[in-house]
PDB file of N, CA and C in Angstrom:
ATOM      1  N   UNK A   1     -16.717   5.606 -10.436  1.00  0.00           N
ATOM      2  CA  UNK A   1     -15.438   5.401  -9.780  1.00  0.00           C
ATOM      3  C   UNK A   1     -15.436   4.040  -9.103  1.00  0.00           C
ATOM      4  N   UNK A   2     -14.278   3.422  -9.088  1.00  0.00           N
ATOM      5  CA  UNK A   2     -14.215   2.084  -8.530  1.00  0.00           C
ATOM      6  C   UNK A   2     -12.987   1.910  -7.644  1.00  0.00           C
ATOM      7  N   UNK A   3     -12.942   0.752  -7.001  1.00  0.00           N
ATOM      8  CA  UNK A   3     -11.808   0.418  -6.155  1.00  0.00           C
ATOM      9  C   UNK A   3     -11.002  -0.699  -6.802  1.00  0.00           C
ATOM     10  N   UNK A   4      -9.699  -0.592  -6.675  1.00  0.00           N
ATOM     11  CA  UNK A   4      -8.785  -1.641  -7.114  1.00  0.00           C
ATOM     12  C   UNK A   4      -8.042  -2.141  -5.896  1.00  0.00           C
ATOM     13  N   UNK A   5      -7.575  -3.373  -5.983  1.00  0.00           N
ATOM     14  CA  UNK A   5      -6.815  -3.967  -4.892  1.00  0.00           C
ATOM     15  C   UNK A   5      -5.437  -4.347  -5.398  1.00  0.00           C
ATOM     16  N   UNK A   6      -4.448  -4.119  -4.571  1.00  0.00           N
ATOM     17  CA  UNK A   6      -3.072  -4.456  -4.901  1.00  0.00           C
ATOM     18  C   UNK A   6      -2.608  -5.477  -3.862  1.00  0.00           C
ATOM     19  N   UNK A   7      -2.350  -6.698  -4.285  1.00  0.00           N
ATOM     20  CA  UNK A   7      -1.947  -7.760  -3.371  1.00  0.00           C
ATOM     21  C   UNK A   7      -0.460  -7.644  -3.043  1.00  0.00           C
ATOM     22  N   UNK A   8      -0.142  -7.647  -1.751  1.00  0.00           N
ATOM     23  CA  UNK A   8       1.226  -7.509  -1.278  1.00  0.00           C
ATOM     24  C   UNK A   8       1.724  -8.890  -0.842  1.00  0.00           C
ATOM     25  N   UNK A   9       2.968  -9.253  -1.192  1.00  0.00           N
ATOM     26  CA  UNK A   9       3.479 -10.591  -0.853  1.00  0.00           C
ATOM     27  C   UNK A   9       3.820 -10.739   0.633  1.00  0.00           C
ATOM     28  N   UNK A  10       4.098 -11.971   1.029  1.00  0.00           N
ATOM     29  CA  UNK A  10       4.426 -12.274   2.420  1.00  0.00           C
ATOM     30  C   UNK A  10       5.617 -11.454   2.920  1.00  0.00           C
ATOM     31  N   UNK A  11       6.608 -11.286   2.070  1.00  0.00           N
ATOM     32  CA  UNK A  11       7.803 -10.512   2.432  1.00  0.00           C
ATOM     33  C   UNK A  11       7.812  -9.231   1.596  1.00  0.00           C
ATOM     34  N   UNK A  12       7.495  -8.115   2.237  1.00  0.00           N
ATOM     35  CA  UNK A  12       7.405  -6.821   1.560  1.00  0.00           C
ATOM     36  C   UNK A  12       8.670  -6.034   1.901  1.00  0.00           C
ATOM     37  N   UNK A  13       9.638  -6.078   0.989  1.00  0.00           N
ATOM     38  CA  UNK A  13      10.905  -5.384   1.194  1.00  0.00           C
ATOM     39  C   UNK A  13      11.393  -4.835  -0.141  1.00  0.00           C
ATOM     40  N   UNK A  14      12.627  -4.360  -0.193  1.00  0.00           N
ATOM     41  CA  UNK A  14      13.136  -3.734  -1.404  1.00  0.00           C
ATOM     42  C   UNK A  14      13.129  -4.674  -2.614  1.00  0.00           C
ATOM     43  N   UNK A  15      13.214  -5.961  -2.379  1.00  0.00           N
ATOM     44  CA  UNK A  15      13.162  -6.931  -3.470  1.00  0.00           C
ATOM     45  C   UNK A  15      11.853  -6.885  -4.246  1.00  0.00           C
ATOM     46  N   UNK A  16      10.828  -6.301  -3.662  1.00  0.00           N
ATOM     47  CA  UNK A  16       9.512  -6.195  -4.312  1.00  0.00           C
ATOM     48  C   UNK A  16       9.298  -4.820  -4.932  1.00  0.00           C
ATOM     49  N   UNK A  17      10.297  -3.952  -4.856  1.00  0.00           N
ATOM     50  CA  UNK A  17      10.169  -2.564  -5.310  1.00  0.00           C
ATOM     51  C   UNK A  17       9.706  -2.446  -6.758  1.00  0.00           C
ATOM     52  N   UNK A  18      10.389  -3.113  -7.655  1.00  0.00           N
ATOM     53  CA  UNK A  18      10.068  -2.980  -9.087  1.00  0.00           C
ATOM     54  C   UNK A  18       8.641  -3.430  -9.378  1.00  0.00           C
ATOM     55  N   UNK A  19       8.275  -4.599  -8.873  1.00  0.00           N
ATOM     56  CA  UNK A  19       6.935  -5.130  -9.137  1.00  0.00           C
ATOM     57  C   UNK A  19       5.852  -4.245  -8.504  1.00  0.00           C
ATOM     58  N   UNK A  20       6.080  -3.776  -7.275  1.00  0.00           N
ATOM     59  CA  UNK A  20       5.122  -2.901  -6.597  1.00  0.00           C
ATOM     60  C   UNK A  20       4.909  -1.621  -7.394  1.00  0.00           C
ATOM     61  N   UNK A  21       6.011  -1.007  -7.820  1.00  0.00           N
ATOM     62  CA  UNK A  21       5.934   0.239  -8.585  1.00  0.00           C
ATOM     63  C   UNK A  21       5.190   0.027  -9.902  1.00  0.00           C
ATOM     64  N   UNK A  22       5.500  -1.054 -10.601  1.00  0.00           N
ATOM     65  CA  UNK A  22       4.814  -1.337 -11.873  1.00  0.00           C
ATOM     66  C   UNK A  22       3.329  -1.547 -11.656  1.00  0.00           C
ATOM     67  N   UNK A  23       2.964  -2.270 -10.591  1.00  0.00           N
ATOM     68  CA  UNK A  23       1.550  -2.537 -10.318  1.00  0.00           C
ATOM     69  C   UNK A  23       0.790  -1.256 -10.016  1.00  0.00           C
ATOM     70  N   UNK A  24       1.343  -0.417  -9.128  1.00  0.00           N
ATOM     71  CA  UNK A  24       0.573   0.778  -8.777  1.00  0.00           C
ATOM     72  C   UNK A  24       0.556   1.798  -9.896  1.00  0.00           C
ATOM     73  N   UNK A  25       1.615   1.873 -10.705  1.00  0.00           N
ATOM     74  CA  UNK A  25       1.592   2.802 -11.832  1.00  0.00           C
ATOM     75  C   UNK A  25       0.547   2.373 -12.864  1.00  0.00           C
ATOM     76  N   UNK A  26       0.418   1.074 -13.068  1.00  0.00           N
ATOM     77  CA  UNK A  26      -0.586   0.560 -13.996  1.00  0.00           C
ATOM     78  C   UNK A  26      -1.993   0.940 -13.508  1.00  0.00           C
ATOM     79  N   UNK A  27      -2.234   0.798 -12.209  1.00  0.00           N
ATOM     80  CA  UNK A  27      -3.541   1.145 -11.646  1.00  0.00           C
ATOM     81  C   UNK A  27      -3.786   2.650 -11.741  1.00  0.00           C
ATOM     82  N   UNK A  28      -2.777   3.452 -11.392  1.00  0.00           N
ATOM     83  CA  UNK A  28      -2.948   4.918 -11.440  1.00  0.00           C
ATOM     84  C   UNK A  28      -3.185   5.413 -12.864  1.00  0.00           C
ATOM     85  N   UNK A  29      -2.635   4.735 -13.851  1.00  0.00           N
ATOM     86  CA  UNK A  29      -2.805   5.143 -15.242  1.00  0.00           C
ATOM     87  C   UNK A  29      -4.140   4.705 -15.842  1.00  0.00           C
ATOM     88  N   UNK A  30      -4.851   3.803 -15.174  1.00  0.00           N
ATOM     89  CA  UNK A  30      -6.129   3.300 -15.693  1.00  0.00           C
ATOM     90  C   UNK A  30      -7.191   4.380 -15.773  1.00  0.00           C
ATOM     91  N   UNK A  31      -7.240   5.225 -14.756  1.00  0.00           N
ATOM     92  CA  UNK A  31      -8.300   6.225 -14.694  1.00  0.00           C
ATOM     93  C   UNK A  31      -9.588   5.624 -14.168  1.00  0.00           C
ATOM     94  N   UNK A  32     -10.457   6.461 -13.648  1.00  0.00           N
ATOM     95  CA  UNK A  32     -11.734   5.999 -13.127  1.00  0.00           C
ATOM     96  C   UNK A  32     -11.631   5.291 -11.788  1.00  0.00           C
ATOM     97  N   UNK A  33     -10.487   5.381 -11.133  1.00  0.00           N
ATOM     98  CA  UNK A  33     -10.281   4.727  -9.848  1.00  0.00           C
ATOM     99  C   UNK A  33     -10.406   5.772  -8.746  1.00  0.00           C
ATOM    100  N   UNK A  34     -11.176   5.457  -7.709  1.00  0.00           N
ATOM    101  CA  UNK A  34     -11.318   6.388  -6.593  1.00  0.00           C
ATOM    102  C   UNK A  34     -10.619   5.889  -5.336  1.00  0.00           C
ATOM    103  N   UNK A  35     -10.464   4.574  -5.226  1.00  0.00           N
ATOM    104  CA  UNK A  35      -9.857   3.973  -4.040  1.00  0.00           C
ATOM    105  C   UNK A  35      -8.956   2.813  -4.438  1.00  0.00           C
ATOM    106  N   UNK A  36      -7.869   2.672  -3.689  1.00  0.00           N
ATOM    107  CA  UNK A  36      -6.975   1.527  -3.871  1.00  0.00           C
ATOM    108  C   UNK A  36      -6.740   0.909  -2.507  1.00  0.00           C
ATOM    109  N   UNK A  37      -6.922  -0.403  -2.430  1.00  0.00           N
ATOM    110  CA  UNK A  37      -6.683  -1.131  -1.190  1.00  0.00           C
ATOM    111  C   UNK A  37      -5.390  -1.924  -1.333  1.00  0.00           C
ATOM    112  N   UNK A  38      -4.499  -1.745  -0.367  1.00  0.00           N
ATOM    113  CA  UNK A  38      -3.299  -2.570  -0.298  1.00  0.00           C
ATOM    114  C   UNK A  38      -3.674  -3.790   0.534  1.00  0.00           C
ATOM    115  N   UNK A  39      -3.709  -4.957  -0.102  1.00  0.00           N
ATOM    116  CA  UNK A  39      -4.120  -6.185   0.558  1.00  0.00           C
ATOM    117  C   UNK A  39      -2.933  -6.782   1.313  1.00  0.00           C
ATOM    118  N   UNK A  40      -2.948  -6.648   2.630  1.00  0.00           N
ATOM    119  CA  UNK A  40      -1.856  -7.087   3.496  1.00  0.00           C
ATOM    120  C   UNK A  40      -2.130  -8.454   4.121  1.00  0.00           C
ATOM    121  N   UNK A  41      -3.123  -9.195   3.652  1.00  0.00           N
ATOM    122  CA  UNK A  41      -3.487 -10.448   4.311  1.00  0.00           C
ATOM    123  C   UNK A  41      -2.351 -11.470   4.327  1.00  0.00           C
ATOM    124  N   UNK A  42      -1.431 -11.421   3.374  1.00  0.00           N
ATOM    125  CA  UNK A  42      -0.321 -12.376   3.322  1.00  0.00           C
ATOM    126  C   UNK A  42       0.940 -11.868   4.022  1.00  0.00           C
ATOM    127  N   UNK A  43       1.017 -10.569   4.289  1.00  0.00           N
ATOM    128  CA  UNK A  43       2.265  -9.954   4.760  1.00  0.00           C
ATOM    129  C   UNK A  43       2.606 -10.387   6.185  1.00  0.00           C
ATOM    130  N   UNK A  44       3.807 -10.942   6.333  1.00  0.00           N
ATOM    131  CA  UNK A  44       4.306 -11.268   7.670  1.00  0.00           C
ATOM    132  C   UNK A  44       5.583 -10.488   7.976  1.00  0.00           C
ATOM    133  N   UNK A  45       6.174  -9.868   6.946  1.00  0.00           N
ATOM    134  CA  UNK A  45       7.406  -9.099   7.129  1.00  0.00           C
ATOM    135  C   UNK A  45       7.379  -7.872   6.236  1.00  0.00           C
ATOM    136  N   UNK A  46       7.730  -6.721   6.792  1.00  0.00           N
ATOM    137  CA  UNK A  46       7.960  -5.530   5.984  1.00  0.00           C
ATOM    138  C   UNK A  46       9.064  -4.723   6.647  1.00  0.00           C
ATOM    139  N   UNK A  47       9.833  -4.015   5.829  1.00  0.00           N
ATOM    140  CA  UNK A  47      10.955  -3.243   6.351  1.00  0.00           C
ATOM    141  C   UNK A  47      10.797  -1.768   5.993  1.00  0.00           C
ATOM    142  N   UNK A  48      11.813  -0.985   6.328  1.00  0.00           N
ATOM    143  CA  UNK A  48      11.727   0.459   6.115  1.00  0.00           C
ATOM    144  C   UNK A  48      11.618   0.824   4.634  1.00  0.00           C
ATOM    145  N   UNK A  49      12.201   0.028   3.756  1.00  0.00           N
ATOM    146  CA  UNK A  49      12.071   0.342   2.327  1.00  0.00           C
ATOM    147  C   UNK A  49      10.621   0.156   1.874  1.00  0.00           C
ATOM    148  N   UNK A  50       9.927  -0.827   2.432  1.00  0.00           N
ATOM    149  CA  UNK A  50       8.509  -1.024   2.113  1.00  0.00           C
ATOM    150  C   UNK A  50       7.695   0.177   2.590  1.00  0.00           C
ATOM    151  N   UNK A  51       8.012   0.671   3.772  1.00  0.00           N
ATOM    152  CA  UNK A  51       7.307   1.846   4.293  1.00  0.00           C
ATOM    153  C   UNK A  51       7.537   3.046   3.384  1.00  0.00           C
ATOM    154  N   UNK A  52       8.772   3.210   2.922  1.00  0.00           N
ATOM    155  CA  UNK A  52       9.082   4.298   1.997  1.00  0.00           C
ATOM    156  C   UNK A  52       8.335   4.178   0.686  1.00  0.00           C
ATOM    157  N   UNK A  53       8.253   2.966   0.157  1.00  0.00           N
ATOM    158  CA  UNK A  53       7.515   2.746  -1.097  1.00  0.00           C
ATOM    159  C   UNK A  53       6.042   3.084  -0.917  1.00  0.00           C
ATOM    160  N   UNK A  54       5.500   2.746   0.238  1.00  0.00           N
ATOM    161  CA  UNK A  54       4.091   3.023   0.501  1.00  0.00           C
ATOM    162  C   UNK A  54       3.831   4.525   0.597  1.00  0.00           C
ATOM    163  N   UNK A  55       4.738   5.263   1.224  1.00  0.00           N
ATOM    164  CA  UNK A  55       4.578   6.712   1.333  1.00  0.00           C
ATOM    165  C   UNK A  55       4.614   7.347  -0.059  1.00  0.00           C
ATOM    166  N   UNK A  56       5.564   6.933  -0.872  1.00  0.00           N
ATOM    167  CA  UNK A  56       5.670   7.465  -2.229  1.00  0.00           C
ATOM    168  C   UNK A  56       4.399   7.160  -3.025  1.00  0.00           C
ATOM    169  N   UNK A  57       3.925   5.936  -2.933  1.00  0.00           N
ATOM    170  CA  UNK A  57       2.699   5.537  -3.616  1.00  0.00           C
ATOM    171  C   UNK A  57       1.511   6.374  -3.135  1.00  0.00           C
ATOM    172  N   UNK A  58       1.405   6.557  -1.816  1.00  0.00           N
ATOM    173  CA  UNK A  58       0.292   7.321  -1.263  1.00  0.00           C
ATOM    174  C   UNK A  58       0.308   8.757  -1.778  1.00  0.00           C
ATOM    175  N   UNK A  59       1.490   9.358  -1.869  1.00  0.00           N
ATOM    176  CA  UNK A  59       1.600  10.729  -2.381  1.00  0.00           C
ATOM    177  C   UNK A  59       1.158  10.811  -3.838  1.00  0.00           C
ATOM    178  N   UNK A  60       1.570   9.843  -4.649  1.00  0.00           N
ATOM    179  CA  UNK A  60       1.178   9.841  -6.063  1.00  0.00           C
ATOM    180  C   UNK A  60      -0.323   9.644  -6.208  1.00  0.00           C
ATOM    181  N   UNK A  61      -0.893   8.745  -5.408  1.00  0.00           N
ATOM    182  CA  UNK A  61      -2.333   8.504  -5.469  1.00  0.00           C
ATOM    183  C   UNK A  61      -3.098   9.743  -5.016  1.00  0.00           C
ATOM    184  N   UNK A  62      -2.648  10.355  -3.923  1.00  0.00           N
ATOM    185  CA  UNK A  62      -3.322  11.546  -3.389  1.00  0.00           C
ATOM    186  C   UNK A  62      -3.319  12.681  -4.406  1.00  0.00           C
ATOM    187  N   UNK A  63      -2.225  12.806  -5.167  1.00  0.00           N
ATOM    188  CA  UNK A  63      -2.162  13.866  -6.179  1.00  0.00           C
ATOM    189  C   UNK A  63      -3.208  13.672  -7.273  1.00  0.00           C
ATOM    190  N   UNK A  64      -3.733  12.443  -7.395  1.00  0.00           N
ATOM    191  CA  UNK A  64      -4.797  12.159  -8.365  1.00  0.00           C
ATOM    192  C   UNK A  64      -6.157  11.994  -7.676  1.00  0.00           C
ATOM    193  N   UNK A  65      -6.241  12.444  -6.417  1.00  0.00           N
ATOM    194  CA  UNK A  65      -7.471  12.335  -5.621  1.00  0.00           C
ATOM    195  C   UNK A  65      -7.948  10.896  -5.458  1.00  0.00           C
ATOM    196  N   UNK A  66      -7.001   9.994  -5.279  1.00  0.00           N
ATOM    197  CA  UNK A  66      -7.306   8.583  -5.051  1.00  0.00           C
ATOM    198  C   UNK A  66      -6.907   8.261  -3.618  1.00  0.00           C
ATOM    199  N   UNK A  67      -7.830   7.669  -2.878  1.00  0.00           N
ATOM    200  CA  UNK A  67      -7.506   7.299  -1.502  1.00  0.00           C
ATOM    201  C   UNK A  67      -6.937   5.884  -1.471  1.00  0.00           C
ATOM    202  N   UNK A  68      -6.019   5.678  -0.540  1.00  0.00           N
ATOM    203  CA  UNK A  68      -5.356   4.384  -0.392  1.00  0.00           C
ATOM    204  C   UNK A  68      -5.601   3.892   1.023  1.00  0.00           C
ATOM    205  N   UNK A  69      -5.990   2.635   1.135  1.00  0.00           N
ATOM    206  CA  UNK A  69      -6.170   2.058   2.461  1.00  0.00           C
ATOM    207  C   UNK A  69      -5.438   0.730   2.556  1.00  0.00           C
ATOM    208  N   UNK A  70      -5.192   0.311   3.765  1.00  0.00           N
ATOM    209  CA  UNK A  70      -4.518  -0.957   4.020  1.00  0.00           C
ATOM    210  C   UNK A  70      -5.556  -1.905   4.583  1.00  0.00           C
ATOM    211  N   UNK A  71      -5.688  -3.046   3.937  1.00  0.00           N
ATOM    212  CA  UNK A  71      -6.700  -4.023   4.329  1.00  0.00           C
ATOM    213  C   UNK A  71      -6.027  -5.327   4.760  1.00  0.00           C
ATOM    214  N   UNK A  72      -6.452  -5.881   5.859  1.00  0.00           N
ATOM    215  CA  UNK A  72      -6.028  -7.219   6.269  1.00  0.00           C
ATOM    216  C   UNK A  72      -4.688  -7.310   6.977  1.00  0.00           C
ATOM    217  N   UNK A  73      -4.128  -6.175   7.399  1.00  0.00           N
ATOM    218  CA  UNK A  73      -2.845  -6.221   8.124  1.00  0.00           C
ATOM    219  C   UNK A  73      -3.072  -6.891   9.474  1.00  0.00           C
ATOM    220  N   UNK A  74      -2.147  -7.754   9.851  1.00  0.00           N
ATOM    221  CA  UNK A  74      -2.286  -8.465  11.120  1.00  0.00           C
ATOM    222  C   UNK A  74      -0.925  -8.663  11.768  1.00  0.00           C
ATOM    223  N   UNK A  75      -0.975  -8.987  13.034  1.00  0.00           N
ATOM    224  CA  UNK A  75       0.192  -9.340  13.834  1.00  0.00           C
ATOM    225  C   UNK A  75       1.335  -8.342  13.677  1.00  0.00           C
ATOM    226  N   UNK A  76       2.533  -8.844  13.394  1.00  0.00           N
ATOM    227  CA  UNK A  76       3.718  -7.972  13.374  1.00  0.00           C
ATOM    228  C   UNK A  76       3.632  -6.906  12.280  1.00  0.00           C
ATOM    229  N   UNK A  77       3.045  -7.228  11.136  1.00  0.00           N
ATOM    230  CA  UNK A  77       2.923  -6.238  10.060  1.00  0.00           C
ATOM    231  C   UNK A  77       2.061  -5.062  10.524  1.00  0.00           C
ATOM    232  N   UNK A  78       0.940  -5.355  11.174  1.00  0.00           N
ATOM    233  CA  UNK A  78       0.063  -4.292  11.662  1.00  0.00           C
ATOM    234  C   UNK A  78       0.761  -3.491  12.755  1.00  0.00           C
ATOM    235  N   UNK A  79       1.484  -4.176  13.613  1.00  0.00           N
ATOM    236  CA  UNK A  79       2.212  -3.497  14.689  1.00  0.00           C
ATOM    237  C   UNK A  79       3.237  -2.510  14.121  1.00  0.00           C
ATOM    238  N   UNK A  80       3.970  -2.926  13.092  1.00  0.00           N
ATOM    239  CA  UNK A  80       4.963  -2.047  12.456  1.00  0.00           C
ATOM    240  C   UNK A  80       4.276  -0.827  11.854  1.00  0.00           C
ATOM    241  N   UNK A  81       3.157  -1.045  11.169  1.00  0.00           N
ATOM    242  CA  UNK A  81       2.421   0.069  10.567  1.00  0.00           C
ATOM    243  C   UNK A  81       1.965   1.073  11.623  1.00  0.00           C
ATOM    244  N   UNK A  82       1.499   0.571  12.759  1.00  0.00           N
ATOM    245  CA  UNK A  82       1.012   1.454  13.813  1.00  0.00           C
ATOM    246  C   UNK A  82       2.163   2.180  14.505  1.00  0.00           C
ATOM    247  N   UNK A  83       3.270   1.496  14.744  1.00  0.00           N
ATOM    248  CA  UNK A  83       4.439   2.127  15.356  1.00  0.00           C
ATOM    249  C   UNK A  83       4.957   3.252  14.460  1.00  0.00           C
ATOM    250  N   UNK A  84       4.906   3.029  13.143  1.00  0.00           N
ATOM    251  CA  UNK A  84       5.367   4.031  12.177  1.00  0.00           C
ATOM    252  C   UNK A  84       4.322   5.130  11.933  1.00  0.00           C
ATOM    253  N   UNK A  85       3.228   5.093  12.687  1.00  0.00           N
ATOM    254  CA  UNK A  85       2.138   6.080  12.570  1.00  0.00           C
ATOM    255  C   UNK A  85       1.499   6.088  11.186  1.00  0.00           C
ATOM    256  N   UNK A  86       1.480   4.952  10.522  1.00  0.00           N
ATOM    257  CA  UNK A  86       0.859   4.885   9.195  1.00  0.00           C
ATOM    258  C   UNK A  86      -0.660   4.998   9.262  1.00  0.00           C
ATOM    259  N   UNK A  87      -1.205   4.860  10.451  1.00  0.00           N
ATOM    260  CA  UNK A  87      -2.645   5.069  10.599  1.00  0.00           C
ATOM    261  C   UNK A  87      -3.025   6.531  10.397  1.00  0.00           C
ATOM    262  N   UNK A  88      -2.025   7.419  10.361  1.00  0.00           N
ATOM    263  CA  UNK A  88      -2.268   8.835  10.045  1.00  0.00           C
ATOM    264  C   UNK A  88      -2.300   9.064   8.535  1.00  0.00           C
ATOM    265  N   UNK A  89      -1.630   8.205   7.779  1.00  0.00           N
ATOM    266  CA  UNK A  89      -1.577   8.333   6.316  1.00  0.00           C
ATOM    267  C   UNK A  89      -2.615   7.472   5.612  1.00  0.00           C
ATOM    268  N   UNK A  90      -2.925   6.333   6.211  1.00  0.00           N
ATOM    269  CA  UNK A  90      -3.795   5.341   5.586  1.00  0.00           C
ATOM    270  C   UNK A  90      -4.915   4.941   6.537  1.00  0.00           C
ATOM    271  N   UNK A  91      -6.043   4.574   5.954  1.00  0.00           N
ATOM    272  CA  UNK A  91      -7.097   3.920   6.730  1.00  0.00           C
ATOM    273  C   UNK A  91      -6.658   2.462   6.836  1.00  0.00           C
ATOM    274  N   UNK A  92      -6.463   1.968   8.044  1.00  0.00           N
ATOM    275  CA  UNK A  92      -6.026   0.580   8.241  1.00  0.00           C
ATOM    276  C   UNK A  92      -7.209  -0.205   8.775  1.00  0.00           C
ATOM    277  N   UNK A  93      -7.652  -1.191   7.986  1.00  0.00           N
ATOM    278  CA  UNK A  93      -8.804  -1.997   8.409  1.00  0.00           C
ATOM    279  C   UNK A  93      -8.473  -3.479   8.379  1.00  0.00           C
TER     280      UNK A  93
END
């Protein structure tokens, strides 16, 4: 089993929905994956649609026994994740 990383852009909003969905579906269909890291090192903005996309992704990954974590979140992006209690759904490092 291995880990894959999904790089998130500086602005994570509904405009990134299609690309985000395609990326995570490709990873989930690969097989042999045990962990997926959402790389937040570039993210400076995220909105409620991004949070919704992340919840949907987490549910799909969990149904395949794949854990999802958030890596590199900082400043306002990390604050939004914590305010939204995403630390209950994801390991945030």
